[in-house]
């Protein structure tokens, strides 16, 4: 049986990593700085689009130049999650 050893709490390390909301709550009480990296939404979308034969053109900023870039590529600009898009 595994006990709650420090290796699982990562107490001996200066950089610690966790997953999801529970992980953030756990580390918040023991950390001076939290860095949240959210790549799963984007990579999941890329996987779905490419898996269905589509192409993704990543673009750095979400401003008026993004729509121009999408138009130039002959692509649709992705909207907010759950927002309907005209086809």
PDB file of N, CA and C in Angstrom:
ATOM      1  N   UNK A   1       0.836  -1.182   0.000  1.00  0.00           N
ATOM      2  CA  UNK A   1       0.000   0.000   0.000  1.00  0.00           C
ATOM      3  C   UNK A   1       0.883   1.248   0.000  1.00  0.00           C
ATOM      4  N   UNK A   2       0.568   2.189  -0.870  1.00  0.00           N
ATOM      5  CA  UNK A   2       1.349   3.417  -0.941  1.00  0.00           C
ATOM      6  C   UNK A   2       0.817   4.439   0.047  1.00  0.00           C
ATOM      7  N   UNK A   3       1.718   5.007   0.799  1.00  0.00           N
ATOM      8  CA  UNK A   3       1.330   6.080   1.717  1.00  0.00           C
ATOM      9  C   UNK A   3       1.469   7.407   0.992  1.00  0.00           C
ATOM     10  N   UNK A   4       0.994   8.449   1.604  1.00  0.00           N
ATOM     11  CA  UNK A   4       1.122   9.779   1.021  1.00  0.00           C
ATOM     12  C   UNK A   4       2.549  10.259   1.203  1.00  0.00           C
ATOM     13  N   UNK A   5       3.450   9.707   0.421  1.00  0.00           N
ATOM     14  CA  UNK A   5       4.869  10.031   0.517  1.00  0.00           C
ATOM     15  C   UNK A   5       5.136  11.403  -0.085  1.00  0.00           C
ATOM     16  N   UNK A   6       6.256  12.001   0.327  1.00  0.00           N
ATOM     17  CA  UNK A   6       6.592  13.335  -0.178  1.00  0.00           C
ATOM     18  C   UNK A   6       6.844  13.329  -1.681  1.00  0.00           C
ATOM     19  N   UNK A   7       7.231  12.183  -2.230  1.00  0.00           N
ATOM     20  CA  UNK A   7       7.452  12.134  -3.677  1.00  0.00           C
ATOM     21  C   UNK A   7       6.156  12.423  -4.436  1.00  0.00           C
ATOM     22  N   UNK A   8       5.028  12.004  -3.889  1.00  0.00           N
ATOM     23  CA  UNK A   8       3.757  12.255  -4.558  1.00  0.00           C
ATOM     24  C   UNK A   8       3.275  13.685  -4.330  1.00  0.00           C
ATOM     25  N   UNK A   9       3.673  14.282  -3.230  1.00  0.00           N
ATOM     26  CA  UNK A   9       3.325  15.683  -2.976  1.00  0.00           C
ATOM     27  C   UNK A   9       4.356  16.618  -3.603  1.00  0.00           C
ATOM     28  N   UNK A  10       5.472  16.067  -4.062  1.00  0.00           N
ATOM     29  CA  UNK A  10       6.541  16.814  -4.721  1.00  0.00           C
ATOM     30  C   UNK A  10       7.151  17.875  -3.806  1.00  0.00           C
ATOM     31  N   UNK A  11       7.178  17.616  -2.516  1.00  0.00           N
ATOM     32  CA  UNK A  11       7.656  18.605  -1.547  1.00  0.00           C
ATOM     33  C   UNK A  11       9.144  18.900  -1.670  1.00  0.00           C
ATOM     34  N   UNK A  12       9.913  17.957  -2.184  1.00  0.00           N
ATOM     35  CA  UNK A  12      11.359  18.135  -2.266  1.00  0.00           C
ATOM     36  C   UNK A  12      11.806  18.859  -3.539  1.00  0.00           C
ATOM     37  N   UNK A  13      10.860  19.333  -4.325  1.00  0.00           N
ATOM     38  CA  UNK A  13      11.201  19.932  -5.612  1.00  0.00           C
ATOM     39  C   UNK A  13      10.807  21.406  -5.648  1.00  0.00           C
ATOM     40  N   UNK A  14      11.618  22.207  -6.349  1.00  0.00           N
ATOM     41  CA  UNK A  14      11.294  23.631  -6.450  1.00  0.00           C
ATOM     42  C   UNK A  14      10.221  23.881  -7.506  1.00  0.00           C
ATOM     43  N   UNK A  15      10.145  23.031  -8.505  1.00  0.00           N
ATOM     44  CA  UNK A  15       9.083  23.120  -9.512  1.00  0.00           C
ATOM     45  C   UNK A  15       8.164  21.922  -9.317  1.00  0.00           C
ATOM     46  N   UNK A  16       6.885  22.206  -9.162  1.00  0.00           N
ATOM     47  CA  UNK A  16       5.911  21.136  -8.929  1.00  0.00           C
ATOM     48  C   UNK A  16       4.812  21.244  -9.968  1.00  0.00           C
ATOM     49  N   UNK A  17       4.258  20.117 -10.337  1.00  0.00           N
ATOM     50  CA  UNK A  17       3.263  20.077 -11.400  1.00  0.00           C
ATOM     51  C   UNK A  17       2.019  19.343 -10.925  1.00  0.00           C
ATOM     52  N   UNK A  18       0.887  19.843 -11.343  1.00  0.00           N
ATOM     53  CA  UNK A  18      -0.384  19.210 -10.999  1.00  0.00           C
ATOM     54  C   UNK A  18      -1.333  19.306 -12.173  1.00  0.00           C
ATOM     55  N   UNK A  19      -2.493  18.719 -12.024  1.00  0.00           N
ATOM     56  CA  UNK A  19      -3.466  18.603 -13.100  1.00  0.00           C
ATOM     57  C   UNK A  19      -4.820  19.109 -12.631  1.00  0.00           C
ATOM     58  N   UNK A  20      -5.444  19.970 -13.396  1.00  0.00           N
ATOM     59  CA  UNK A  20      -6.819  20.379 -13.141  1.00  0.00           C
ATOM     60  C   UNK A  20      -7.010  21.291 -11.949  1.00  0.00           C
ATOM     61  N   UNK A  21      -8.288  21.543 -11.656  1.00  0.00           N
ATOM     62  CA  UNK A  21      -8.653  22.452 -10.571  1.00  0.00           C
ATOM     63  C   UNK A  21      -8.175  21.942  -9.211  1.00  0.00           C
ATOM     64  N   UNK A  22      -8.314  20.638  -8.980  1.00  0.00           N
ATOM     65  CA  UNK A  22      -7.872  20.078  -7.700  1.00  0.00           C
ATOM     66  C   UNK A  22      -6.374  20.274  -7.509  1.00  0.00           C
ATOM     67  N   UNK A  23      -5.629  20.113  -8.581  1.00  0.00           N
ATOM     68  CA  UNK A  23      -4.186  20.307  -8.515  1.00  0.00           C
ATOM     69  C   UNK A  23      -3.813  21.737  -8.185  1.00  0.00           C
ATOM     70  N   UNK A  24      -4.517  22.688  -8.784  1.00  0.00           N
ATOM     71  CA  UNK A  24      -4.266  24.104  -8.493  1.00  0.00           C
ATOM     72  C   UNK A  24      -4.558  24.395  -7.028  1.00  0.00           C
ATOM     73  N   UNK A  25      -5.668  23.883  -6.536  1.00  0.00           N
ATOM     74  CA  UNK A  25      -6.013  24.099  -5.125  1.00  0.00           C
ATOM     75  C   UNK A  25      -4.963  23.486  -4.204  1.00  0.00           C
ATOM     76  N   UNK A  26      -4.468  22.313  -4.561  1.00  0.00           N
ATOM     77  CA  UNK A  26      -3.455  21.640  -3.746  1.00  0.00           C
ATOM     78  C   UNK A  26      -2.159  22.441  -3.706  1.00  0.00           C
ATOM     79  N   UNK A  27      -1.700  22.894  -4.852  1.00  0.00           N
ATOM     80  CA  UNK A  27      -0.429  23.615  -4.910  1.00  0.00           C
ATOM     81  C   UNK A  27      -0.527  25.029  -4.364  1.00  0.00           C
ATOM     82  N   UNK A  28      -1.696  25.634  -4.443  1.00  0.00           N
ATOM     83  CA  UNK A  28      -1.856  27.020  -3.995  1.00  0.00           C
ATOM     84  C   UNK A  28      -1.471  27.192  -2.533  1.00  0.00           C
ATOM     85  N   UNK A  29      -1.726  26.205  -1.720  1.00  0.00           N
ATOM     86  CA  UNK A  29      -1.396  26.300  -0.303  1.00  0.00           C
ATOM     87  C   UNK A  29       0.067  26.085   0.009  1.00  0.00           C
ATOM     88  N   UNK A  30       0.845  25.639  -0.982  1.00  0.00           N
ATOM     89  CA  UNK A  30       2.248  25.301  -0.738  1.00  0.00           C
ATOM     90  C   UNK A  30       3.203  26.004  -1.691  1.00  0.00           C
ATOM     91  N   UNK A  31       2.701  26.923  -2.493  1.00  0.00           N
ATOM     92  CA  UNK A  31       3.536  27.526  -3.530  1.00  0.00           C
ATOM     93  C   UNK A  31       3.466  29.045  -3.474  1.00  0.00           C
ATOM     94  N   UNK A  32       4.580  29.670  -3.812  1.00  0.00           N
ATOM     95  CA  UNK A  32       4.614  31.126  -3.912  1.00  0.00           C
ATOM     96  C   UNK A  32       4.093  31.591  -5.268  1.00  0.00           C
ATOM     97  N   UNK A  33       4.314  30.778  -6.286  1.00  0.00           N
ATOM     98  CA  UNK A  33       3.923  31.128  -7.648  1.00  0.00           C
ATOM     99  C   UNK A  33       3.263  29.921  -8.303  1.00  0.00           C
ATOM    100  N   UNK A  34       2.156  30.159  -8.999  1.00  0.00           N
ATOM    101  CA  UNK A  34       1.506  29.116  -9.798  1.00  0.00           C
ATOM    102  C   UNK A  34       1.532  29.551 -11.253  1.00  0.00           C
ATOM    103  N   UNK A  35       1.909  28.658 -12.138  1.00  0.00           N
ATOM    104  CA  UNK A  35       1.874  28.915 -13.567  1.00  0.00           C
ATOM    105  C   UNK A  35       0.878  27.935 -14.163  1.00  0.00           C
ATOM    106  N   UNK A  36      -0.124  28.458 -14.849  1.00  0.00           N
ATOM    107  CA  UNK A  36      -1.155  27.614 -15.445  1.00  0.00           C
ATOM    108  C   UNK A  36      -0.951  27.611 -16.953  1.00  0.00           C
ATOM    109  N   UNK A  37      -0.810  26.428 -17.506  1.00  0.00           N
ATOM    110  CA  UNK A  37      -0.640  26.277 -18.942  1.00  0.00           C
ATOM    111  C   UNK A  37      -1.854  25.520 -19.464  1.00  0.00           C
ATOM    112  N   UNK A  38      -2.623  26.170 -20.312  1.00  0.00           N
ATOM    113  CA  UNK A  38      -3.830  25.560 -20.857  1.00  0.00           C
ATOM    114  C   UNK A  38      -3.636  25.324 -22.345  1.00  0.00           C
ATOM    115  N   UNK A  39      -3.220  24.121 -22.685  1.00  0.00           N
ATOM    116  CA  UNK A  39      -3.025  23.798 -24.092  1.00  0.00           C
ATOM    117  C   UNK A  39      -3.993  22.732 -24.573  1.00  0.00           C
ATOM    118  N   UNK A  40      -4.690  22.109 -23.656  1.00  0.00           N
ATOM    119  CA  UNK A  40      -5.512  20.975 -24.047  1.00  0.00           C
ATOM    120  C   UNK A  40      -6.672  21.358 -24.948  1.00  0.00           C
ATOM    121  N   UNK A  41      -7.317  22.481 -24.711  1.00  0.00           N
ATOM    122  CA  UNK A  41      -8.427  22.886 -25.577  1.00  0.00           C
ATOM    123  C   UNK A  41      -7.941  23.067 -27.006  1.00  0.00           C
ATOM    124  N   UNK A  42      -6.834  23.769 -27.158  1.00  0.00           N
ATOM    125  CA  UNK A  42      -6.304  24.025 -28.491  1.00  0.00           C
ATOM    126  C   UNK A  42      -5.859  22.732 -29.162  1.00  0.00           C
ATOM    127  N   UNK A  43      -5.076  21.920 -28.461  1.00  0.00           N
ATOM    128  CA  UNK A  43      -4.565  20.704 -29.089  1.00  0.00           C
ATOM    129  C   UNK A  43      -5.678  19.706 -29.379  1.00  0.00           C
ATOM    130  N   UNK A  44      -6.703  19.672 -28.544  1.00  0.00           N
ATOM    131  CA  UNK A  44      -7.847  18.801 -28.819  1.00  0.00           C
ATOM    132  C   UNK A  44      -8.548  19.248 -30.090  1.00  0.00           C
ATOM    133  N   UNK A  45      -8.745  20.549 -30.241  1.00  0.00           N
ATOM    134  CA  UNK A  45      -9.379  21.075 -31.459  1.00  0.00           C
ATOM    135  C   UNK A  45      -8.546  20.758 -32.692  1.00  0.00           C
ATOM    136  N   UNK A  46      -7.243  20.938 -32.592  1.00  0.00           N
ATOM    137  CA  UNK A  46      -6.358  20.634 -33.718  1.00  0.00           C
ATOM    138  C   UNK A  46      -6.468  19.158 -34.084  1.00  0.00           C
ATOM    139  N   UNK A  47      -6.470  18.291 -33.086  1.00  0.00           N
ATOM    140  CA  UNK A  47      -6.571  16.852 -33.327  1.00  0.00           C
ATOM    141  C   UNK A  47      -7.881  16.499 -34.031  1.00  0.00           C
ATOM    142  N   UNK A  48      -8.973  17.079 -33.574  1.00  0.00           N
ATOM    143  CA  UNK A  48     -10.279  16.788 -34.177  1.00  0.00           C
ATOM    144  C   UNK A  48     -10.329  17.280 -35.621  1.00  0.00           C
ATOM    145  N   UNK A  49      -9.888  18.513 -35.847  1.00  0.00           N
ATOM    146  CA  UNK A  49      -9.915  19.074 -37.204  1.00  0.00           C
ATOM    147  C   UNK A  49      -9.037  18.254 -38.146  1.00  0.00           C
ATOM    148  N   UNK A  50      -7.813  17.978 -37.739  1.00  0.00           N
ATOM    149  CA  UNK A  50      -6.892  17.226 -38.601  1.00  0.00           C
ATOM    150  C   UNK A  50      -7.367  15.787 -38.798  1.00  0.00           C
ATOM    151  N   UNK A  51      -7.941  15.202 -37.763  1.00  0.00           N
ATOM    152  CA  UNK A  51      -8.468  13.843 -37.864  1.00  0.00           C
ATOM    153  C   UNK A  51      -9.618  13.729 -38.847  1.00  0.00           C
ATOM    154  N   UNK A  52     -10.283  14.836 -39.101  1.00  0.00           N
ATOM    155  CA  UNK A  52     -11.392  14.857 -40.067  1.00  0.00           C
ATOM    156  C   UNK A  52     -10.947  15.408 -41.422  1.00  0.00           C
ATOM    157  N   UNK A  53      -9.633  15.501 -41.606  1.00  0.00           N
ATOM    158  CA  UNK A  53      -9.103  15.924 -42.899  1.00  0.00           C
ATOM    159  C   UNK A  53      -8.967  17.423 -43.073  1.00  0.00           C
ATOM    160  N   UNK A  54      -9.154  18.185 -42.011  1.00  0.00           N
ATOM    161  CA  UNK A  54      -9.049  19.637 -42.092  1.00  0.00           C
ATOM    162  C   UNK A  54      -7.625  20.125 -41.884  1.00  0.00           C
ATOM    163  N   UNK A  55      -7.451  21.411 -42.015  1.00  0.00           N
ATOM    164  CA  UNK A  55      -6.157  22.062 -41.817  1.00  0.00           C
ATOM    165  C   UNK A  55      -6.345  23.182 -40.806  1.00  0.00           C
ATOM    166  N   UNK A  56      -5.383  23.340 -39.911  1.00  0.00           N
ATOM    167  CA  UNK A  56      -5.425  24.401 -38.902  1.00  0.00           C
ATOM    168  C   UNK A  56      -4.288  25.375 -39.180  1.00  0.00           C
ATOM    169  N   UNK A  57      -4.618  26.647 -39.193  1.00  0.00           N
ATOM    170  CA  UNK A  57      -3.625  27.704 -39.357  1.00  0.00           C
ATOM    171  C   UNK A  57      -3.551  28.489 -38.044  1.00  0.00           C
ATOM    172  N   UNK A  58      -2.656  28.128 -37.151  1.00  0.00           N
ATOM    173  CA  UNK A  58      -2.565  28.875 -35.884  1.00  0.00           C
ATOM    174  C   UNK A  58      -2.190  30.334 -36.149  1.00  0.00           C
ATOM    175  N   UNK A  59      -2.738  31.205 -35.332  1.00  0.00           N
ATOM    176  CA  UNK A  59      -2.442  32.632 -35.452  1.00  0.00           C
ATOM    177  C   UNK A  59      -2.246  33.198 -34.056  1.00  0.00           C
ATOM    178  N   UNK A  60      -1.235  33.997 -33.879  1.00  0.00           N
ATOM    179  CA  UNK A  60      -0.815  34.429 -32.546  1.00  0.00           C
ATOM    180  C   UNK A  60      -1.820  35.316 -31.812  1.00  0.00           C
ATOM    181  N   UNK A  61      -2.409  36.270 -32.477  1.00  0.00           N
ATOM    182  CA  UNK A  61      -3.248  37.239 -31.765  1.00  0.00           C
ATOM    183  C   UNK A  61      -4.712  37.129 -32.167  1.00  0.00           C
ATOM    184  N   UNK A  62      -5.571  37.502 -31.238  1.00  0.00           N
ATOM    185  CA  UNK A  62      -7.017  37.493 -31.490  1.00  0.00           C
ATOM    186  C   UNK A  62      -7.461  38.947 -31.642  1.00  0.00           C
ATOM    187  N   UNK A  63      -7.097  39.546 -32.761  1.00  0.00           N
ATOM    188  CA  UNK A  63      -7.480  40.930 -33.038  1.00  0.00           C
ATOM    189  C   UNK A  63      -7.991  41.013 -34.476  1.00  0.00           C
ATOM    190  N   UNK A  64      -8.125  42.219 -35.011  1.00  0.00           N
ATOM    191  CA  UNK A  64      -8.682  42.381 -36.357  1.00  0.00           C
ATOM    192  C   UNK A  64      -7.809  41.743 -37.435  1.00  0.00           C
ATOM    193  N   UNK A  65      -6.523  41.553 -37.154  1.00  0.00           N
ATOM    194  CA  UNK A  65      -5.656  40.934 -38.159  1.00  0.00           C
ATOM    195  C   UNK A  65      -5.926  39.438 -38.302  1.00  0.00           C
ATOM    196  N   UNK A  66      -6.511  38.824 -37.293  1.00  0.00           N
ATOM    197  CA  UNK A  66      -6.802  37.385 -37.353  1.00  0.00           C
ATOM    198  C   UNK A  66      -7.831  37.080 -38.437  1.00  0.00           C
ATOM    199  N   UNK A  67      -8.873  37.885 -38.520  1.00  0.00           N
ATOM    200  CA  UNK A  67      -9.900  37.679 -39.547  1.00  0.00           C
ATOM    201  C   UNK A  67      -9.307  37.851 -40.947  1.00  0.00           C
ATOM    202  N   UNK A  68      -8.440  38.840 -41.102  1.00  0.00           N
ATOM    203  CA  UNK A  68      -7.785  39.059 -42.391  1.00  0.00           C
ATOM    204  C   UNK A  68      -6.910  37.864 -42.749  1.00  0.00           C
ATOM    205  N   UNK A  69      -6.158  37.358 -41.778  1.00  0.00           N
ATOM    206  CA  UNK A  69      -5.301  36.194 -42.002  1.00  0.00           C
ATOM    207  C   UNK A  69      -6.136  34.983 -42.431  1.00  0.00           C
ATOM    208  N   UNK A  70      -7.239  34.729 -41.725  1.00  0.00           N
ATOM    209  CA  UNK A  70      -8.105  33.592 -42.060  1.00  0.00           C
ATOM    210  C   UNK A  70      -8.654  33.736 -43.477  1.00  0.00           C
ATOM    211  N   UNK A  71      -9.110  34.930 -43.815  1.00  0.00           N
ATOM    212  CA  UNK A  71      -9.656  35.178 -45.152  1.00  0.00           C
ATOM    213  C   UNK A  71      -8.590  34.930 -46.214  1.00  0.00           C
ATOM    214  N   UNK A  72      -7.387  35.397 -45.953  1.00  0.00           N
ATOM    215  CA  UNK A  72      -6.269  35.227 -46.878  1.00  0.00           C
ATOM    216  C   UNK A  72      -5.948  33.746 -47.102  1.00  0.00           C
ATOM    217  N   UNK A  73      -6.148  32.932 -46.066  1.00  0.00           N
ATOM    218  CA  UNK A  73      -5.892  31.493 -46.168  1.00  0.00           C
ATOM    219  C   UNK A  73      -7.077  30.744 -46.778  1.00  0.00           C
ATOM    220  N   UNK A  74      -8.207  31.432 -46.953  1.00  0.00           N
ATOM    221  CA  UNK A  74      -9.425  30.768 -47.407  1.00  0.00           C
ATOM    222  C   UNK A  74     -10.017  29.909 -46.303  1.00  0.00           C
ATOM    223  N   UNK A  75      -9.845  30.352 -45.074  1.00  0.00           N
ATOM    224  CA  UNK A  75     -10.260  29.576 -43.901  1.00  0.00           C
ATOM    225  C   UNK A  75     -11.341  30.309 -43.115  1.00  0.00           C
ATOM    226  N   UNK A  76     -11.963  29.589 -42.200  1.00  0.00           N
ATOM    227  CA  UNK A  76     -12.905  30.189 -41.253  1.00  0.00           C
ATOM    228  C   UNK A  76     -12.154  30.498 -39.970  1.00  0.00           C
ATOM    229  N   UNK A  77     -12.402  31.653 -39.405  1.00  0.00           N
ATOM    230  CA  UNK A  77     -11.794  32.017 -38.129  1.00  0.00           C
ATOM    231  C   UNK A  77     -12.560  31.322 -37.008  1.00  0.00           C
ATOM    232  N   UNK A  78     -11.854  30.607 -36.175  1.00  0.00           N
ATOM    233  CA  UNK A  78     -12.496  29.911 -35.053  1.00  0.00           C
ATOM    234  C   UNK A  78     -13.102  30.926 -34.098  1.00  0.00           C
ATOM    235  N   UNK A  79     -14.254  30.587 -33.558  1.00  0.00           N
ATOM    236  CA  UNK A  79     -14.926  31.454 -32.599  1.00  0.00           C
ATOM    237  C   UNK A  79     -14.747  30.933 -31.185  1.00  0.00           C
ATOM    238  N   UNK A  80     -15.515  31.494 -30.288  1.00  0.00           N
ATOM    239  CA  UNK A  80     -15.487  31.040 -28.906  1.00  0.00           C
ATOM    240  C   UNK A  80     -16.139  29.671 -28.806  1.00  0.00           C
ATOM    241  N   UNK A  81     -15.730  28.918 -27.803  1.00  0.00           N
ATOM    242  CA  UNK A  81     -16.275  27.585 -27.588  1.00  0.00           C
ATOM    243  C   UNK A  81     -17.797  27.645 -27.464  1.00  0.00           C
ATOM    244  N   UNK A  82     -18.478  26.804 -28.220  1.00  0.00           N
ATOM    245  CA  UNK A  82     -19.926  26.738 -28.167  1.00  0.00           C
ATOM    246  C   UNK A  82     -20.638  27.770 -29.022  1.00  0.00           C
ATOM    247  N   UNK A  83     -19.882  28.690 -29.586  1.00  0.00           N
ATOM    248  CA  UNK A  83     -20.470  29.738 -30.428  1.00  0.00           C
ATOM    249  C   UNK A  83     -20.731  29.173 -31.825  1.00  0.00           C
ATOM    250  N   UNK A  84     -21.958  29.292 -32.337  1.00  0.00           N
ATOM    251  CA  UNK A  84     -22.241  28.756 -33.678  1.00  0.00           C
ATOM    252  C   UNK A  84     -21.472  29.528 -34.747  1.00  0.00           C
ATOM    253  N   UNK A  85     -21.024  28.815 -35.751  1.00  0.00           N
ATOM    254  CA  UNK A  85     -20.270  29.431 -36.850  1.00  0.00           C
ATOM    255  C   UNK A  85     -21.012  29.209 -38.153  1.00  0.00           C
ATOM    256  N   UNK A  86     -21.161  30.245 -38.974  1.00  0.00           N
ATOM    257  CA  UNK A  86     -21.768  30.037 -40.296  1.00  0.00           C
ATOM    258  C   UNK A  86     -20.829  29.212 -41.171  1.00  0.00           C
ATOM    259  N   UNK A  87     -21.393  28.362 -41.982  1.00  0.00           N
ATOM    260  CA  UNK A  87     -20.556  27.507 -42.838  1.00  0.00           C
ATOM    261  C   UNK A  87     -20.669  27.937 -44.279  1.00  0.00           C
TER     262      UNK A  87
END
